[in-house]
Amino acid sequence: IEVIDSRTVEAGEMPIAIDAAKLAMEGAGFDEVVERAYAVRDSMCALFCFETLFYRDKGGRVFKAKPWAEAEGNHGVGFKAMIEVDFSTGGTVQLVSRAKSKRQLLQKMVEIAAEKVGEGTMSGAIVHINALQDAEYVRDLAASKVECDSLPISLGRAVTAIQNGEGFVTFGFHVV
C-alpha cells in the first residue's frame, strides 16, 4: 500500500486517481502505478472558483484569502474569488484572481489552462456544487481552446458543499 498526498482536493484528485486506475487496469505493476500517480500529482493545476468565501471563512479554511473574505463580509456580495491548491502551492491556498462576475473567473480558469498546456494535450476534471451549467461552460470553453484527452464533470461531495457553498466550481488539469 502506498499513501499519496495529492496536495489538492476534488477536481485535482480525480485525474490522479483516474490515471492510476487506468494504468493498473492495463496491467502495470505497483511501482509504475505509484510513479504515475506522483507524476500526475506533480504536474496538476487545480483552480477553485467560489460564489462567496463566506463558507471557507466560517469553516476556518480561507487562509491566505482571508483579506478577500473580510472585504466581502464588510461590503456584502462583491468580487468572486479564485484560488489554487496543488503540488505547486505545497498543498496550501494560493490566491489567483478576483473578478466581478463568476463568468469572468471561469474564463480565467480556461485561459490559465490554455497558457499552461500550450500546444499539448490536457486531461483533467471539473467538480461543482449545483453549478452544472458553469461546469459545462468550463468544459466546452476548454475543449474549444485546448486539445482535451479527458475532462469529466462530477457533482461534489456533501463535505465540499458545506465548506464551499453552492455555485462552487473546481477545475483540475495536467498536460498528458
N, C-alpha and C. Protein backbone atom coordinates (compact mmCIF):
# COMPACT_ATOMS: atom_id res chain seq x y z
N ILE A 1 0.85 -1.18 0.00
CA ILE A 1 0.00 0.00 0.00
C ILE A 1 0.89 1.23 0.00
N GLU A 2 0.51 2.20 -0.80
CA GLU A 2 1.22 3.48 -0.85
C GLU A 2 0.19 4.58 -0.62
N VAL A 3 0.44 5.44 0.36
CA VAL A 3 -0.43 6.58 0.61
C VAL A 3 0.20 7.78 -0.08
N ILE A 4 -0.56 8.41 -0.97
CA ILE A 4 -0.06 9.54 -1.74
C ILE A 4 -0.81 10.80 -1.32
N ASP A 5 -0.07 11.78 -0.86
CA ASP A 5 -0.67 13.08 -0.53
C ASP A 5 -0.85 13.82 -1.85
N SER A 6 -2.08 13.99 -2.26
CA SER A 6 -2.35 14.63 -3.55
C SER A 6 -2.03 16.12 -3.54
N ARG A 7 -1.96 16.71 -2.35
CA ARG A 7 -1.72 18.14 -2.17
C ARG A 7 -2.81 18.99 -2.81
N THR A 8 -3.96 18.38 -3.04
CA THR A 8 -5.09 19.08 -3.64
C THR A 8 -6.37 18.36 -3.23
N VAL A 9 -7.49 18.79 -3.75
CA VAL A 9 -8.78 18.17 -3.46
C VAL A 9 -9.65 18.20 -4.70
N GLU A 10 -10.77 17.48 -4.62
CA GLU A 10 -11.81 17.47 -5.64
C GLU A 10 -11.28 17.24 -7.05
N ALA A 11 -11.43 18.22 -7.93
CA ALA A 11 -11.05 18.05 -9.34
C ALA A 11 -9.55 17.84 -9.51
N GLY A 12 -8.76 18.22 -8.53
CA GLY A 12 -7.33 17.95 -8.59
C GLY A 12 -7.00 16.51 -8.28
N GLU A 13 -7.81 15.87 -7.44
CA GLU A 13 -7.59 14.47 -7.08
C GLU A 13 -8.07 13.51 -8.16
N MET A 14 -9.18 13.86 -8.80
CA MET A 14 -9.82 12.93 -9.73
C MET A 14 -8.89 12.46 -10.85
N PRO A 15 -8.18 13.34 -11.56
CA PRO A 15 -7.29 12.87 -12.63
C PRO A 15 -6.15 11.98 -12.12
N ILE A 16 -5.69 12.22 -10.91
CA ILE A 16 -4.64 11.38 -10.33
C ILE A 16 -5.18 9.96 -10.16
N ALA A 17 -6.36 9.86 -9.57
CA ALA A 17 -6.97 8.54 -9.34
C ALA A 17 -7.33 7.85 -10.65
N ILE A 18 -7.87 8.60 -11.60
CA ILE A 18 -8.27 8.00 -12.89
C ILE A 18 -7.04 7.47 -13.63
N ASP A 19 -5.98 8.27 -13.70
CA ASP A 19 -4.76 7.82 -14.40
C ASP A 19 -4.17 6.58 -13.74
N ALA A 20 -4.11 6.57 -12.42
CA ALA A 20 -3.57 5.41 -11.70
C ALA A 20 -4.44 4.18 -11.94
N ALA A 21 -5.75 4.34 -11.90
CA ALA A 21 -6.66 3.21 -12.11
C ALA A 21 -6.54 2.66 -13.53
N LYS A 22 -6.47 3.55 -14.52
CA LYS A 22 -6.32 3.10 -15.92
C LYS A 22 -5.04 2.28 -16.09
N LEU A 23 -3.96 2.79 -15.54
CA LEU A 23 -2.67 2.11 -15.66
C LEU A 23 -2.72 0.74 -14.99
N ALA A 24 -3.32 0.67 -13.82
CA ALA A 24 -3.44 -0.61 -13.12
C ALA A 24 -4.31 -1.59 -13.91
N MET A 25 -5.40 -1.10 -14.49
CA MET A 25 -6.28 -1.97 -15.28
C MET A 25 -5.60 -2.48 -16.55
N GLU A 26 -4.62 -1.72 -17.04
CA GLU A 26 -3.85 -2.15 -18.22
C GLU A 26 -2.77 -3.15 -17.85
N GLY A 27 -2.64 -3.46 -16.55
CA GLY A 27 -1.69 -4.47 -16.12
C GLY A 27 -0.35 -3.95 -15.63
N ALA A 28 -0.23 -2.65 -15.45
CA ALA A 28 1.03 -2.09 -14.96
C ALA A 28 1.32 -2.57 -13.54
N GLY A 29 2.58 -2.64 -13.21
CA GLY A 29 2.98 -3.05 -11.87
C GLY A 29 2.74 -1.95 -10.85
N PHE A 30 2.78 -2.34 -9.59
CA PHE A 30 2.52 -1.42 -8.49
C PHE A 30 3.42 -0.19 -8.55
N ASP A 31 4.72 -0.40 -8.70
CA ASP A 31 5.67 0.72 -8.71
C ASP A 31 5.40 1.68 -9.86
N GLU A 32 5.03 1.15 -11.03
CA GLU A 32 4.73 2.00 -12.18
C GLU A 32 3.47 2.84 -11.93
N VAL A 33 2.46 2.24 -11.31
CA VAL A 33 1.22 2.97 -11.00
C VAL A 33 1.51 4.09 -10.00
N VAL A 34 2.27 3.78 -8.97
CA VAL A 34 2.61 4.78 -7.96
C VAL A 34 3.43 5.91 -8.58
N GLU A 35 4.39 5.56 -9.41
CA GLU A 35 5.22 6.57 -10.09
C GLU A 35 4.35 7.50 -10.94
N ARG A 36 3.39 6.93 -11.66
CA ARG A 36 2.50 7.73 -12.50
C ARG A 36 1.62 8.63 -11.64
N ALA A 37 1.12 8.12 -10.53
CA ALA A 37 0.28 8.94 -9.64
C ALA A 37 1.06 10.16 -9.15
N TYR A 38 2.31 9.95 -8.77
CA TYR A 38 3.14 11.08 -8.33
C TYR A 38 3.41 12.05 -9.49
N ALA A 39 3.65 11.53 -10.68
CA ALA A 39 3.91 12.39 -11.84
C ALA A 39 2.70 13.26 -12.16
N VAL A 40 1.52 12.67 -12.13
CA VAL A 40 0.30 13.46 -12.39
C VAL A 40 0.11 14.48 -11.28
N ARG A 41 0.28 14.05 -10.04
CA ARG A 41 0.14 14.98 -8.91
C ARG A 41 1.07 16.18 -9.06
N ASP A 42 2.31 15.91 -9.42
CA ASP A 42 3.31 16.97 -9.51
C ASP A 42 3.06 17.94 -10.65
N SER A 43 2.29 17.52 -11.66
CA SER A 43 2.01 18.40 -12.79
C SER A 43 0.59 18.97 -12.75
N MET A 44 -0.17 18.63 -11.73
CA MET A 44 -1.56 19.06 -11.62
C MET A 44 -1.67 20.55 -11.33
N CYS A 45 -2.61 21.20 -11.98
CA CYS A 45 -3.01 22.57 -11.64
C CYS A 45 -4.47 22.48 -11.24
N ALA A 46 -4.79 22.88 -10.03
CA ALA A 46 -6.17 22.80 -9.53
C ALA A 46 -6.64 24.18 -9.12
N LEU A 47 -7.64 24.68 -9.83
CA LEU A 47 -8.18 26.02 -9.62
C LEU A 47 -9.59 25.91 -9.04
N PHE A 48 -9.92 26.81 -8.13
CA PHE A 48 -11.18 26.77 -7.40
C PHE A 48 -11.87 28.12 -7.49
N CYS A 49 -13.13 28.13 -7.91
CA CYS A 49 -13.90 29.35 -8.10
C CYS A 49 -15.10 29.33 -7.15
N PHE A 50 -15.29 30.41 -6.41
CA PHE A 50 -16.32 30.48 -5.38
C PHE A 50 -17.35 31.56 -5.68
N GLU A 51 -18.61 31.27 -5.33
CA GLU A 51 -19.65 32.30 -5.34
C GLU A 51 -19.39 33.28 -4.21
N THR A 52 -18.95 32.73 -3.07
CA THR A 52 -18.66 33.51 -1.88
C THR A 52 -17.58 32.79 -1.07
N LEU A 53 -16.81 33.55 -0.33
CA LEU A 53 -15.81 32.97 0.57
C LEU A 53 -16.36 32.77 1.98
N PHE A 54 -17.64 33.09 2.17
CA PHE A 54 -18.28 33.00 3.49
C PHE A 54 -18.07 31.63 4.13
N TYR A 55 -18.37 30.56 3.40
CA TYR A 55 -18.29 29.21 3.96
C TYR A 55 -16.85 28.82 4.28
N ARG A 56 -15.91 29.18 3.43
CA ARG A 56 -14.49 28.88 3.68
C ARG A 56 -14.03 29.63 4.93
N ASP A 57 -14.44 30.88 5.05
CA ASP A 57 -14.05 31.70 6.18
C ASP A 57 -14.63 31.14 7.48
N LYS A 58 -15.91 30.86 7.49
CA LYS A 58 -16.57 30.35 8.71
C LYS A 58 -16.03 28.98 9.10
N GLY A 59 -15.57 28.20 8.13
CA GLY A 59 -15.01 26.89 8.42
C GLY A 59 -13.52 26.92 8.73
N GLY A 60 -12.93 28.12 8.73
CA GLY A 60 -11.51 28.26 9.03
C GLY A 60 -10.61 27.76 7.92
N ARG A 61 -11.10 27.77 6.66
CA ARG A 61 -10.34 27.22 5.55
C ARG A 61 -10.03 28.28 4.48
N VAL A 62 -10.00 29.53 4.86
CA VAL A 62 -9.79 30.58 3.87
C VAL A 62 -8.31 30.96 3.74
N PHE A 63 -7.55 30.80 4.82
CA PHE A 63 -6.10 31.00 4.84
C PHE A 63 -5.68 32.32 4.19
N LYS A 64 -4.87 32.27 3.12
CA LYS A 64 -4.33 33.48 2.50
C LYS A 64 -5.40 34.36 1.86
N ALA A 65 -6.60 33.82 1.65
CA ALA A 65 -7.68 34.60 1.05
C ALA A 65 -8.49 35.34 2.12
N LYS A 66 -8.04 35.34 3.36
CA LYS A 66 -8.76 35.99 4.47
C LYS A 66 -9.07 37.45 4.18
N PRO A 67 -8.13 38.26 3.65
CA PRO A 67 -8.48 39.65 3.36
C PRO A 67 -9.63 39.77 2.35
N TRP A 68 -9.67 38.86 1.38
CA TRP A 68 -10.77 38.89 0.40
C TRP A 68 -12.08 38.55 1.08
N ALA A 69 -12.06 37.57 1.98
CA ALA A 69 -13.28 37.17 2.71
C ALA A 69 -13.75 38.31 3.61
N GLU A 70 -12.82 38.99 4.26
CA GLU A 70 -13.19 40.11 5.13
C GLU A 70 -13.78 41.25 4.32
N ALA A 71 -13.21 41.54 3.16
CA ALA A 71 -13.74 42.60 2.30
C ALA A 71 -15.15 42.24 1.83
N GLU A 72 -15.36 40.98 1.51
CA GLU A 72 -16.68 40.52 1.09
C GLU A 72 -17.67 40.69 2.23
N GLY A 73 -17.26 40.33 3.45
CA GLY A 73 -18.13 40.43 4.62
C GLY A 73 -18.47 41.87 4.96
N ASN A 74 -17.52 42.77 4.76
CA ASN A 74 -17.73 44.18 5.08
C ASN A 74 -18.58 44.90 4.05
N HIS A 75 -18.55 44.44 2.82
CA HIS A 75 -19.22 45.16 1.74
C HIS A 75 -20.32 44.35 1.08
N GLY A 76 -20.66 43.21 1.64
CA GLY A 76 -21.68 42.36 1.02
C GLY A 76 -21.13 41.67 -0.21
N VAL A 77 -22.02 41.21 -1.04
CA VAL A 77 -21.61 40.49 -2.24
C VAL A 77 -20.79 41.42 -3.12
N GLY A 78 -19.66 40.96 -3.55
CA GLY A 78 -18.78 41.78 -4.37
C GLY A 78 -18.03 40.91 -5.33
N PHE A 79 -16.73 40.92 -5.20
CA PHE A 79 -15.88 40.16 -6.10
C PHE A 79 -15.99 38.66 -5.84
N LYS A 80 -15.89 37.89 -6.90
CA LYS A 80 -15.78 36.44 -6.81
C LYS A 80 -14.29 36.13 -6.72
N ALA A 81 -13.94 35.01 -6.11
CA ALA A 81 -12.54 34.69 -5.88
C ALA A 81 -12.14 33.37 -6.52
N MET A 82 -10.86 33.29 -6.96
CA MET A 82 -10.28 32.05 -7.46
C MET A 82 -8.98 31.80 -6.69
N ILE A 83 -8.82 30.55 -6.25
CA ILE A 83 -7.60 30.14 -5.58
C ILE A 83 -7.02 28.92 -6.30
N GLU A 84 -5.78 28.61 -5.98
CA GLU A 84 -5.12 27.40 -6.49
C GLU A 84 -4.62 26.61 -5.29
N VAL A 85 -4.85 25.30 -5.30
CA VAL A 85 -4.33 24.40 -4.27
C VAL A 85 -3.85 23.14 -4.98
N ASP A 86 -2.54 22.97 -5.08
CA ASP A 86 -1.97 21.80 -5.75
C ASP A 86 -0.51 21.63 -5.33
N PHE A 87 0.20 20.76 -6.01
CA PHE A 87 1.60 20.49 -5.67
C PHE A 87 2.44 21.76 -5.77
N SER A 88 2.18 22.59 -6.78
CA SER A 88 2.99 23.80 -6.97
C SER A 88 2.82 24.80 -5.82
N THR A 89 1.72 24.72 -5.08
CA THR A 89 1.49 25.62 -3.95
C THR A 89 1.80 24.93 -2.62
N GLY A 90 2.35 23.73 -2.70
CA GLY A 90 2.63 22.97 -1.49
C GLY A 90 1.38 22.47 -0.80
N GLY A 91 0.29 22.41 -1.54
CA GLY A 91 -0.97 21.96 -0.97
C GLY A 91 -1.67 23.01 -0.13
N THR A 92 -1.21 24.25 -0.24
CA THR A 92 -1.84 25.33 0.53
C THR A 92 -2.53 26.30 -0.43
N VAL A 93 -3.40 27.12 0.13
CA VAL A 93 -4.18 28.08 -0.66
C VAL A 93 -3.26 29.15 -1.23
N GLN A 94 -3.36 29.36 -2.53
CA GLN A 94 -2.65 30.44 -3.22
C GLN A 94 -3.69 31.30 -3.93
N LEU A 95 -3.68 32.58 -3.69
CA LEU A 95 -4.62 33.48 -4.36
C LEU A 95 -4.27 33.56 -5.84
N VAL A 96 -5.28 33.52 -6.70
CA VAL A 96 -5.05 33.58 -8.13
C VAL A 96 -5.66 34.83 -8.74
N SER A 97 -6.95 35.03 -8.50
CA SER A 97 -7.63 36.12 -9.19
C SER A 97 -8.95 36.45 -8.50
N ARG A 98 -9.43 37.66 -8.76
CA ARG A 98 -10.78 38.07 -8.37
C ARG A 98 -11.42 38.71 -9.58
N ALA A 99 -12.73 38.67 -9.61
CA ALA A 99 -13.46 39.30 -10.70
C ALA A 99 -14.85 39.67 -10.21
N LYS A 100 -15.49 40.57 -10.94
CA LYS A 100 -16.84 40.98 -10.56
C LYS A 100 -17.87 39.92 -10.86
N SER A 101 -17.59 39.07 -11.84
CA SER A 101 -18.57 38.03 -12.18
C SER A 101 -17.91 36.66 -12.17
N LYS A 102 -18.72 35.67 -11.90
CA LYS A 102 -18.23 34.30 -11.91
C LYS A 102 -17.80 33.90 -13.31
N ARG A 103 -18.54 34.34 -14.31
CA ARG A 103 -18.21 34.00 -15.70
C ARG A 103 -16.79 34.45 -16.03
N GLN A 104 -16.39 35.63 -15.55
CA GLN A 104 -15.02 36.11 -15.79
C GLN A 104 -13.99 35.17 -15.18
N LEU A 105 -14.28 34.66 -13.98
CA LEU A 105 -13.34 33.72 -13.34
C LEU A 105 -13.29 32.39 -14.07
N LEU A 106 -14.44 31.92 -14.54
CA LEU A 106 -14.45 30.66 -15.29
C LEU A 106 -13.63 30.80 -16.57
N GLN A 107 -13.75 31.94 -17.23
CA GLN A 107 -12.94 32.21 -18.42
C GLN A 107 -11.46 32.26 -18.06
N LYS A 108 -11.15 32.86 -16.92
CA LYS A 108 -9.76 32.95 -16.46
C LYS A 108 -9.18 31.56 -16.20
N MET A 109 -10.01 30.66 -15.65
CA MET A 109 -9.57 29.28 -15.43
C MET A 109 -9.09 28.66 -16.74
N VAL A 110 -9.89 28.84 -17.78
CA VAL A 110 -9.56 28.26 -19.08
C VAL A 110 -8.35 28.95 -19.70
N GLU A 111 -8.23 30.27 -19.52
CA GLU A 111 -7.05 30.99 -20.01
C GLU A 111 -5.78 30.44 -19.36
N ILE A 112 -5.84 30.19 -18.07
CA ILE A 112 -4.68 29.64 -17.35
C ILE A 112 -4.35 28.26 -17.90
N ALA A 113 -5.38 27.43 -18.12
CA ALA A 113 -5.15 26.09 -18.68
C ALA A 113 -4.52 26.18 -20.06
N ALA A 114 -5.05 27.04 -20.92
CA ALA A 114 -4.53 27.17 -22.28
C ALA A 114 -3.07 27.62 -22.25
N GLU A 115 -2.74 28.53 -21.34
CA GLU A 115 -1.37 29.02 -21.22
C GLU A 115 -0.43 27.90 -20.75
N LYS A 116 -0.86 27.13 -19.76
CA LYS A 116 0.00 26.07 -19.21
C LYS A 116 0.13 24.88 -20.16
N VAL A 117 -0.94 24.57 -20.88
CA VAL A 117 -0.93 23.40 -21.76
C VAL A 117 -0.27 23.72 -23.10
N GLY A 118 -0.45 24.94 -23.58
CA GLY A 118 0.13 25.34 -24.86
C GLY A 118 -0.39 24.49 -26.00
N GLU A 119 0.52 23.92 -26.77
CA GLU A 119 0.14 23.08 -27.92
C GLU A 119 -0.08 21.62 -27.52
N GLY A 120 0.10 21.31 -26.24
CA GLY A 120 -0.04 19.94 -25.76
C GLY A 120 -1.49 19.51 -25.62
N THR A 121 -1.66 18.36 -25.01
CA THR A 121 -2.99 17.80 -24.74
C THR A 121 -3.21 17.78 -23.24
N MET A 122 -4.42 18.13 -22.85
CA MET A 122 -4.78 18.24 -21.45
C MET A 122 -5.71 17.11 -21.04
N SER A 123 -5.56 16.66 -19.81
CA SER A 123 -6.50 15.75 -19.18
C SER A 123 -6.85 16.37 -17.84
N GLY A 124 -8.08 16.20 -17.39
CA GLY A 124 -8.45 16.82 -16.13
C GLY A 124 -9.83 16.42 -15.68
N ALA A 125 -10.42 17.26 -14.83
CA ALA A 125 -11.76 17.02 -14.31
C ALA A 125 -12.34 18.34 -13.81
N ILE A 126 -13.66 18.38 -13.74
CA ILE A 126 -14.37 19.53 -13.21
C ILE A 126 -15.35 19.01 -12.17
N VAL A 127 -15.34 19.62 -10.99
CA VAL A 127 -16.27 19.26 -9.93
C VAL A 127 -17.04 20.53 -9.55
N HIS A 128 -18.32 20.36 -9.28
CA HIS A 128 -19.16 21.53 -8.96
C HIS A 128 -20.15 21.20 -7.85
N ILE A 129 -20.70 22.25 -7.25
CA ILE A 129 -21.79 22.12 -6.30
C ILE A 129 -22.98 22.89 -6.87
N ASN A 130 -23.93 22.16 -7.41
CA ASN A 130 -25.14 22.75 -8.01
C ASN A 130 -24.80 23.86 -9.00
N ALA A 131 -23.81 23.62 -9.83
CA ALA A 131 -23.39 24.60 -10.84
C ALA A 131 -23.06 23.87 -12.15
N LEU A 132 -23.94 22.97 -12.56
CA LEU A 132 -23.69 22.18 -13.76
C LEU A 132 -23.49 23.05 -14.99
N GLN A 133 -24.29 24.10 -15.15
CA GLN A 133 -24.13 24.97 -16.32
C GLN A 133 -22.74 25.60 -16.34
N ASP A 134 -22.25 26.01 -15.19
CA ASP A 134 -20.90 26.59 -15.12
C ASP A 134 -19.85 25.54 -15.45
N ALA A 135 -20.02 24.34 -14.93
CA ALA A 135 -19.07 23.25 -15.20
C ALA A 135 -19.05 22.91 -16.68
N GLU A 136 -20.22 22.84 -17.30
CA GLU A 136 -20.29 22.56 -18.74
C GLU A 136 -19.68 23.70 -19.55
N TYR A 137 -19.85 24.93 -19.08
CA TYR A 137 -19.25 26.09 -19.75
C TYR A 137 -17.73 25.96 -19.74
N VAL A 138 -17.15 25.62 -18.59
CA VAL A 138 -15.70 25.44 -18.49
C VAL A 138 -15.24 24.32 -19.41
N ARG A 139 -15.94 23.19 -19.38
CA ARG A 139 -15.57 22.05 -20.23
C ARG A 139 -15.61 22.44 -21.71
N ASP A 140 -16.69 23.07 -22.14
CA ASP A 140 -16.84 23.42 -23.55
C ASP A 140 -15.84 24.49 -23.98
N LEU A 141 -15.61 25.47 -23.13
CA LEU A 141 -14.64 26.52 -23.45
C LEU A 141 -13.23 25.93 -23.51
N ALA A 142 -12.90 25.06 -22.55
CA ALA A 142 -11.58 24.42 -22.55
C ALA A 142 -11.39 23.59 -23.82
N ALA A 143 -12.42 22.84 -24.21
CA ALA A 143 -12.32 22.00 -25.41
C ALA A 143 -12.16 22.84 -26.67
N SER A 144 -12.65 24.08 -26.65
CA SER A 144 -12.50 24.95 -27.82
C SER A 144 -11.13 25.61 -27.88
N LYS A 145 -10.41 25.63 -26.76
CA LYS A 145 -9.11 26.31 -26.69
C LYS A 145 -7.91 25.37 -26.64
N VAL A 146 -8.14 24.15 -26.12
CA VAL A 146 -7.04 23.22 -25.85
C VAL A 146 -7.47 21.82 -26.27
N GLU A 147 -6.53 21.03 -26.75
CA GLU A 147 -6.81 19.62 -27.04
C GLU A 147 -7.04 18.91 -25.71
N CYS A 148 -8.22 18.29 -25.56
CA CYS A 148 -8.59 17.62 -24.31
C CYS A 148 -8.68 16.12 -24.51
N ASP A 149 -7.94 15.38 -23.70
CA ASP A 149 -8.00 13.93 -23.72
C ASP A 149 -9.21 13.44 -22.93
N SER A 150 -9.40 14.00 -21.76
CA SER A 150 -10.49 13.61 -20.87
C SER A 150 -10.81 14.78 -19.95
N LEU A 151 -12.09 15.07 -19.78
CA LEU A 151 -12.49 16.17 -18.91
C LEU A 151 -13.88 15.89 -18.33
N PRO A 152 -13.99 14.87 -17.46
CA PRO A 152 -15.29 14.53 -16.87
C PRO A 152 -15.77 15.60 -15.90
N ILE A 153 -17.08 15.67 -15.75
CA ILE A 153 -17.72 16.58 -14.80
C ILE A 153 -18.37 15.73 -13.71
N SER A 154 -18.20 16.16 -12.47
CA SER A 154 -18.76 15.42 -11.34
C SER A 154 -19.38 16.40 -10.34
N LEU A 155 -20.44 15.96 -9.69
CA LEU A 155 -21.04 16.72 -8.60
C LEU A 155 -20.20 16.49 -7.35
N GLY A 156 -19.88 17.55 -6.65
CA GLY A 156 -19.04 17.45 -5.46
C GLY A 156 -19.72 16.72 -4.31
N ARG A 157 -18.92 16.34 -3.35
CA ARG A 157 -19.40 15.63 -2.16
C ARG A 157 -20.09 16.60 -1.20
N ALA A 158 -20.85 16.04 -0.26
CA ALA A 158 -21.57 16.86 0.72
C ALA A 158 -20.60 17.75 1.51
N VAL A 159 -19.46 17.20 1.89
CA VAL A 159 -18.49 17.98 2.65
C VAL A 159 -17.99 19.17 1.83
N THR A 160 -17.90 19.00 0.53
CA THR A 160 -17.49 20.10 -0.35
C THR A 160 -18.54 21.21 -0.34
N ALA A 161 -19.80 20.83 -0.37
CA ALA A 161 -20.88 21.81 -0.32
C ALA A 161 -20.85 22.59 0.99
N ILE A 162 -20.62 21.90 2.09
CA ILE A 162 -20.59 22.55 3.40
C ILE A 162 -19.43 23.54 3.48
N GLN A 163 -18.27 23.17 2.95
CA GLN A 163 -17.07 24.01 3.07
C GLN A 163 -16.99 25.13 2.04
N ASN A 164 -17.74 24.99 0.92
CA ASN A 164 -17.57 25.95 -0.18
C ASN A 164 -18.85 26.62 -0.64
N GLY A 165 -20.00 26.07 -0.30
CA GLY A 165 -21.27 26.66 -0.69
C GLY A 165 -21.69 26.31 -2.10
N GLU A 166 -22.94 26.61 -2.40
CA GLU A 166 -23.45 26.35 -3.75
C GLU A 166 -22.77 27.24 -4.77
N GLY A 167 -22.69 26.75 -5.98
CA GLY A 167 -22.08 27.52 -7.06
C GLY A 167 -20.58 27.31 -7.19
N PHE A 168 -20.00 26.53 -6.31
CA PHE A 168 -18.56 26.25 -6.31
C PHE A 168 -18.19 25.42 -7.54
N VAL A 169 -17.11 25.80 -8.21
CA VAL A 169 -16.60 25.05 -9.36
C VAL A 169 -15.09 24.91 -9.20
N THR A 170 -14.59 23.70 -9.38
CA THR A 170 -13.15 23.47 -9.37
C THR A 170 -12.74 22.75 -10.65
N PHE A 171 -11.59 23.12 -11.17
CA PHE A 171 -11.09 22.62 -12.45
C PHE A 171 -9.64 22.19 -12.23
N GLY A 172 -9.40 20.89 -12.33
CA GLY A 172 -8.05 20.36 -12.20
C GLY A 172 -7.60 19.79 -13.53
N PHE A 173 -6.35 20.08 -13.92
CA PHE A 173 -5.86 19.61 -15.22
C PHE A 173 -4.35 19.43 -15.19
N HIS A 174 -3.87 18.65 -16.14
CA HIS A 174 -2.43 18.46 -16.33
C HIS A 174 -2.18 18.14 -17.80
N VAL A 175 -0.95 18.35 -18.23
CA VAL A 175 -0.57 18.02 -19.60
C VAL A 175 -0.34 16.52 -19.67
N VAL A 176 -0.90 15.90 -20.69
CA VAL A 176 -0.76 14.45 -20.87
C VAL A 176 0.60 14.16 -21.46
